[in-house]
């Protein structure tokens, strides 16, 4: 059996639906790059969106428009990723790259594992929460206001915590 025949027969999904989804891939890539600002993460987001859309093809209502449906599907995937990352940060879940051994993973997966490990290390570094807050998008001024210190002092604390992280 040819590969494209197998894909069309998957869950009785019409081949026209698959073709319609694939026609929107360039637009999905542009949207994913704006949402993630990282090419590897954007590619993963597009792939996950397509997989979800193909698995939920019965929920698509043609009257609503394919593009809008795909955008909402991508937002759902992105929201799920953020929730999973936040849950991992709250629970201190860490994936140690050294103990897992050699794996074949995508660049984005490797980056997520390294990020998880760095977040874990930051919890044990004095003022590591400042690095996390800056990474989460807070400004130095906001952090300074919360801590009752100057913006410059927060910058110094942030720089020192980054040095400790790099040394760890």
C-alpha atoms as a PDB file:
ATOM      1  CA  UNK A   1       0.000   0.000   0.000  1.00  0.00           C
ATOM      2  CA  UNK A   2       1.259   3.498  -0.809  1.00  0.00           C
ATOM      3  CA  UNK A   3       1.898   5.915   2.023  1.00  0.00           C
ATOM      4  CA  UNK A   4      -0.614   8.523   0.882  1.00  0.00           C
ATOM      5  CA  UNK A   5      -3.343   5.873   0.578  1.00  0.00           C
ATOM      6  CA  UNK A   6      -2.686   4.881   4.191  1.00  0.00           C
ATOM      7  CA  UNK A   7      -2.944   8.496   5.378  1.00  0.00           C
ATOM      8  CA  UNK A   8      -6.246   9.038   3.555  1.00  0.00           C
ATOM      9  CA  UNK A   9      -7.698   5.851   5.031  1.00  0.00           C
ATOM     10  CA  UNK A  10      -6.670   6.861   8.567  1.00  0.00           C
ATOM     11  CA  UNK A  11      -9.876   7.049  10.655  1.00  0.00           C
ATOM     12  CA  UNK A  12     -11.804   7.456   7.387  1.00  0.00           C
ATOM     13  CA  UNK A  13     -10.519  11.009   7.165  1.00  0.00           C
ATOM     14  CA  UNK A  14     -11.078  12.426   3.675  1.00  0.00           C
ATOM     15  CA  UNK A  15      -7.971  13.118   1.628  1.00  0.00           C
ATOM     16  CA  UNK A  16      -9.406  16.577   0.870  1.00  0.00           C
ATOM     17  CA  UNK A  17      -9.255  17.412   4.572  1.00  0.00           C
ATOM     18  CA  UNK A  18      -5.572  16.443   4.742  1.00  0.00           C
ATOM     19  CA  UNK A  19      -4.854  18.534   1.638  1.00  0.00           C
ATOM     20  CA  UNK A  20      -6.710  21.509   3.143  1.00  0.00           C
ATOM     21  CA  UNK A  21      -4.640  21.284   6.354  1.00  0.00           C
ATOM     22  CA  UNK A  22      -1.383  21.045   4.418  1.00  0.00           C
ATOM     23  CA  UNK A  23      -2.307  24.115   2.362  1.00  0.00           C
ATOM     24  CA  UNK A  24      -2.243  26.143   5.587  1.00  0.00           C
ATOM     25  CA  UNK A  25       1.201  24.915   6.747  1.00  0.00           C
ATOM     26  CA  UNK A  26       3.103  28.038   5.554  1.00  0.00           C
ATOM     27  CA  UNK A  27       0.723  30.293   7.480  1.00  0.00           C
ATOM     28  CA  UNK A  28       0.948  28.044  10.538  1.00  0.00           C
ATOM     29  CA  UNK A  29       4.744  28.280  10.401  1.00  0.00           C
ATOM     30  CA  UNK A  30       4.620  32.086  10.364  1.00  0.00           C
ATOM     31  CA  UNK A  31       2.172  32.135  13.258  1.00  0.00           C
ATOM     32  CA  UNK A  32       4.221  29.616  15.264  1.00  0.00           C
ATOM     33  CA  UNK A  33       7.397  31.679  14.816  1.00  0.00           C
ATOM     34  CA  UNK A  34       5.591  34.727  16.192  1.00  0.00           C
ATOM     35  CA  UNK A  35       4.271  32.709  19.132  1.00  0.00           C
ATOM     36  CA  UNK A  36       7.558  30.997  20.047  1.00  0.00           C
ATOM     37  CA  UNK A  37      10.331  33.221  18.624  1.00  0.00           C
ATOM     38  CA  UNK A  38      12.412  30.062  18.145  1.00  0.00           C
ATOM     39  CA  UNK A  39      12.520  28.088  14.908  1.00  0.00           C
ATOM     40  CA  UNK A  40      12.867  24.632  16.507  1.00  0.00           C
ATOM     41  CA  UNK A  41      10.025  25.290  18.926  1.00  0.00           C
ATOM     42  CA  UNK A  42       7.942  26.755  16.101  1.00  0.00           C
ATOM     43  CA  UNK A  43       8.469  23.633  13.978  1.00  0.00           C
ATOM     44  CA  UNK A  44       7.429  21.451  16.914  1.00  0.00           C
ATOM     45  CA  UNK A  45       4.367  23.626  17.484  1.00  0.00           C
ATOM     46  CA  UNK A  46       3.308  23.324  13.830  1.00  0.00           C
ATOM     47  CA  UNK A  47       3.789  19.556  13.889  1.00  0.00           C
ATOM     48  CA  UNK A  48       1.827  19.162  17.127  1.00  0.00           C
ATOM     49  CA  UNK A  49      -0.933  21.405  15.755  1.00  0.00           C
ATOM     50  CA  UNK A  50      -1.219  19.364  12.563  1.00  0.00           C
ATOM     51  CA  UNK A  51      -1.281  16.099  14.517  1.00  0.00           C
ATOM     52  CA  UNK A  52      -4.023  17.420  16.803  1.00  0.00           C
ATOM     53  CA  UNK A  53      -6.008  18.843  13.884  1.00  0.00           C
ATOM     54  CA  UNK A  54      -5.809  15.560  11.986  1.00  0.00           C
ATOM     55  CA  UNK A  55      -6.877  13.609  15.058  1.00  0.00           C
ATOM     56  CA  UNK A  56      -9.809  15.983  15.716  1.00  0.00           C
ATOM     57  CA  UNK A  57     -10.882  16.295  12.107  1.00  0.00           C
ATOM     58  CA  UNK A  58     -14.492  15.403  12.926  1.00  0.00           C
ATOM     59  CA  UNK A  59     -14.793  18.538  15.092  1.00  0.00           C
ATOM     60  CA  UNK A  60     -14.000  20.871  12.191  1.00  0.00           C
ATOM     61  CA  UNK A  61     -17.032  22.782  10.922  1.00  0.00           C
ATOM     62  CA  UNK A  62     -16.403  24.049   7.389  1.00  0.00           C
ATOM     63  CA  UNK A  63     -18.705  27.025   7.968  1.00  0.00           C
ATOM     64  CA  UNK A  64     -16.308  28.353  10.638  1.00  0.00           C
ATOM     65  CA  UNK A  65     -13.356  28.378   8.282  1.00  0.00           C
ATOM     66  CA  UNK A  66     -10.265  26.185   8.354  1.00  0.00           C
ATOM     67  CA  UNK A  67      -7.798  28.946   9.205  1.00  0.00           C
ATOM     68  CA  UNK A  68      -9.646  30.065  12.333  1.00  0.00           C
ATOM     69  CA  UNK A  69     -10.013  26.462  13.470  1.00  0.00           C
ATOM     70  CA  UNK A  70      -6.302  25.822  12.957  1.00  0.00           C
ATOM     71  CA  UNK A  71      -5.336  29.018  14.817  1.00  0.00           C
ATOM     72  CA  UNK A  72      -7.455  27.977  17.793  1.00  0.00           C
ATOM     73  CA  UNK A  73      -5.986  24.486  17.618  1.00  0.00           C
ATOM     74  CA  UNK A  74      -2.468  25.963  17.692  1.00  0.00           C
ATOM     75  CA  UNK A  75      -3.380  28.194  20.622  1.00  0.00           C
ATOM     76  CA  UNK A  76      -4.689  25.138  22.445  1.00  0.00           C
ATOM     77  CA  UNK A  77      -1.418  23.281  21.851  1.00  0.00           C
ATOM     78  CA  UNK A  78       0.594  26.301  23.017  1.00  0.00           C
ATOM     79  CA  UNK A  79      -1.580  26.678  26.119  1.00  0.00           C
ATOM     80  CA  UNK A  80      -1.099  23.000  26.979  1.00  0.00           C
ATOM     81  CA  UNK A  81       2.661  23.415  26.652  1.00  0.00           C
ATOM     82  CA  UNK A  82       2.683  26.433  28.958  1.00  0.00           C
ATOM     83  CA  UNK A  83       0.553  24.620  31.530  1.00  0.00           C
ATOM     84  CA  UNK A  84       2.893  21.622  31.453  1.00  0.00           C
ATOM     85  CA  UNK A  85       5.949  23.860  31.838  1.00  0.00           C
ATOM     86  CA  UNK A  86       4.356  25.762  34.723  1.00  0.00           C
ATOM     87  CA  UNK A  87       3.387  22.504  36.423  1.00  0.00           C
ATOM     88  CA  UNK A  88       6.945  21.227  36.048  1.00  0.00           C
ATOM     89  CA  UNK A  89       8.309  24.441  37.543  1.00  0.00           C
ATOM     90  CA  UNK A  90       5.852  24.320  40.477  1.00  0.00           C
ATOM     91  CA  UNK A  91       6.545  20.686  41.324  1.00  0.00           C
ATOM     92  CA  UNK A  92      10.278  20.912  40.678  1.00  0.00           C
ATOM     93  CA  UNK A  93      10.110  18.123  38.103  1.00  0.00           C
ATOM     94  CA  UNK A  94      13.553  17.710  36.631  1.00  0.00           C
ATOM     95  CA  UNK A  95      14.758  15.690  33.707  1.00  0.00           C
ATOM     96  CA  UNK A  96      18.418  14.974  34.208  1.00  0.00           C
ATOM     97  CA  UNK A  97      20.137  14.633  30.861  1.00  0.00           C
ATOM     98  CA  UNK A  98      23.182  12.922  32.357  1.00  0.00           C
ATOM     99  CA  UNK A  99      21.246  10.051  33.955  1.00  0.00           C
ATOM    100  CA  UNK A 100      19.077   9.315  30.944  1.00  0.00           C
ATOM    101  CA  UNK A 101      21.903   8.383  28.617  1.00  0.00           C
ATOM    102  CA  UNK A 102      22.122   8.909  24.871  1.00  0.00           C
ATOM    103  CA  UNK A 103      18.773   9.598  23.242  1.00  0.00           C
ATOM    104  CA  UNK A 104      17.596  10.667  19.863  1.00  0.00           C
ATOM    105  CA  UNK A 105      15.627  13.827  20.582  1.00  0.00           C
ATOM    106  CA  UNK A 106      14.777  16.968  18.690  1.00  0.00           C
ATOM    107  CA  UNK A 107      16.593  20.168  19.450  1.00  0.00           C
ATOM    108  CA  UNK A 108      13.513  21.621  21.152  1.00  0.00           C
ATOM    109  CA  UNK A 109      13.223  18.573  23.416  1.00  0.00           C
ATOM    110  CA  UNK A 110      16.882  18.913  24.356  1.00  0.00           C
ATOM    111  CA  UNK A 111      16.347  22.601  25.106  1.00  0.00           C
ATOM    112  CA  UNK A 112      13.330  21.821  27.314  1.00  0.00           C
ATOM    113  CA  UNK A 113      15.303  19.225  29.254  1.00  0.00           C
ATOM    114  CA  UNK A 114      18.178  21.652  29.759  1.00  0.00           C
ATOM    115  CA  UNK A 115      15.727  24.356  30.804  1.00  0.00           C
ATOM    116  CA  UNK A 116      14.164  22.015  33.361  1.00  0.00           C
ATOM    117  CA  UNK A 117      17.585  21.214  34.759  1.00  0.00           C
ATOM    118  CA  UNK A 118      18.545  24.911  34.924  1.00  0.00           C
ATOM    119  CA  UNK A 119      15.297  25.771  36.732  1.00  0.00           C
ATOM    120  CA  UNK A 120      16.043  23.053  39.272  1.00  0.00           C
ATOM    121  CA  UNK A 121      19.564  24.403  39.834  1.00  0.00           C
ATOM    122  CA  UNK A 122      18.229  27.961  40.189  1.00  0.00           C
ATOM    123  CA  UNK A 123      16.049  26.861  43.104  1.00  0.00           C
ATOM    124  CA  UNK A 124      19.256  26.099  45.024  1.00  0.00           C
ATOM    125  CA  UNK A 125      21.111  29.285  44.071  1.00  0.00           C
ATOM    126  CA  UNK A 126      20.737  32.367  46.218  1.00  0.00           C
ATOM    127  CA  UNK A 127      18.501  34.859  44.383  1.00  0.00           C
ATOM    128  CA  UNK A 128      17.806  32.304  41.633  1.00  0.00           C
ATOM    129  CA  UNK A 129      14.169  33.391  41.630  1.00  0.00           C
ATOM    130  CA  UNK A 130      15.294  36.735  40.158  1.00  0.00           C
ATOM    131  CA  UNK A 131      16.638  34.912  37.100  1.00  0.00           C
ATOM    132  CA  UNK A 132      13.361  33.005  36.803  1.00  0.00           C
ATOM    133  CA  UNK A 133      11.323  36.191  37.085  1.00  0.00           C
ATOM    134  CA  UNK A 134      13.401  37.924  34.396  1.00  0.00           C
ATOM    135  CA  UNK A 135      13.085  34.840  32.176  1.00  0.00           C
ATOM    136  CA  UNK A 136       9.318  34.945  32.700  1.00  0.00           C
ATOM    137  CA  UNK A 137       9.263  38.484  31.290  1.00  0.00           C
ATOM    138  CA  UNK A 138       9.251  40.664  34.391  1.00  0.00           C
ATOM    139  CA  UNK A 139      11.309  43.829  34.150  1.00  0.00           C
ATOM    140  CA  UNK A 140      14.127  44.687  36.507  1.00  0.00           C
ATOM    141  CA  UNK A 141      12.085  47.694  37.643  1.00  0.00           C
ATOM    142  CA  UNK A 142       9.137  45.495  38.638  1.00  0.00           C
ATOM    143  CA  UNK A 143      11.373  43.152  40.603  1.00  0.00           C
ATOM    144  CA  UNK A 144      13.137  46.118  42.235  1.00  0.00           C
ATOM    145  CA  UNK A 145       9.798  47.565  43.307  1.00  0.00           C
ATOM    146  CA  UNK A 146       8.776  44.207  44.869  1.00  0.00           C
ATOM    147  CA  UNK A 147      12.101  43.860  46.696  1.00  0.00           C
ATOM    148  CA  UNK A 148      12.363  47.482  47.759  1.00  0.00           C
ATOM    149  CA  UNK A 149      15.749  47.981  46.096  1.00  0.00           C
ATOM    150  CA  UNK A 150      17.007  49.865  43.059  1.00  0.00           C
ATOM    151  CA  UNK A 151      16.820  48.577  39.508  1.00  0.00           C
ATOM    152  CA  UNK A 152      20.626  48.567  39.388  1.00  0.00           C
ATOM    153  CA  UNK A 153      20.800  46.365  42.489  1.00  0.00           C
ATOM    154  CA  UNK A 154      18.414  43.874  40.873  1.00  0.00           C
ATOM    155  CA  UNK A 155      20.609  43.883  37.754  1.00  0.00           C
ATOM    156  CA  UNK A 156      23.635  43.065  39.933  1.00  0.00           C
ATOM    157  CA  UNK A 157      21.742  40.310  41.766  1.00  0.00           C
ATOM    158  CA  UNK A 158      20.586  38.885  38.437  1.00  0.00           C
ATOM    159  CA  UNK A 159      24.126  38.918  36.998  1.00  0.00           C
ATOM    160  CA  UNK A 160      25.550  37.229  40.119  1.00  0.00           C
ATOM    161  CA  UNK A 161      22.873  34.514  40.058  1.00  0.00           C
ATOM    162  CA  UNK A 162      23.570  33.860  36.350  1.00  0.00           C
ATOM    163  CA  UNK A 163      27.295  33.493  37.104  1.00  0.00           C
ATOM    164  CA  UNK A 164      26.489  31.001  39.865  1.00  0.00           C
ATOM    165  CA  UNK A 165      24.223  29.085  37.494  1.00  0.00           C
ATOM    166  CA  UNK A 166      26.931  28.887  34.844  1.00  0.00           C
ATOM    167  CA  UNK A 167      29.469  27.723  37.428  1.00  0.00           C
ATOM    168  CA  UNK A 168      27.162  25.033  38.833  1.00  0.00           C
END
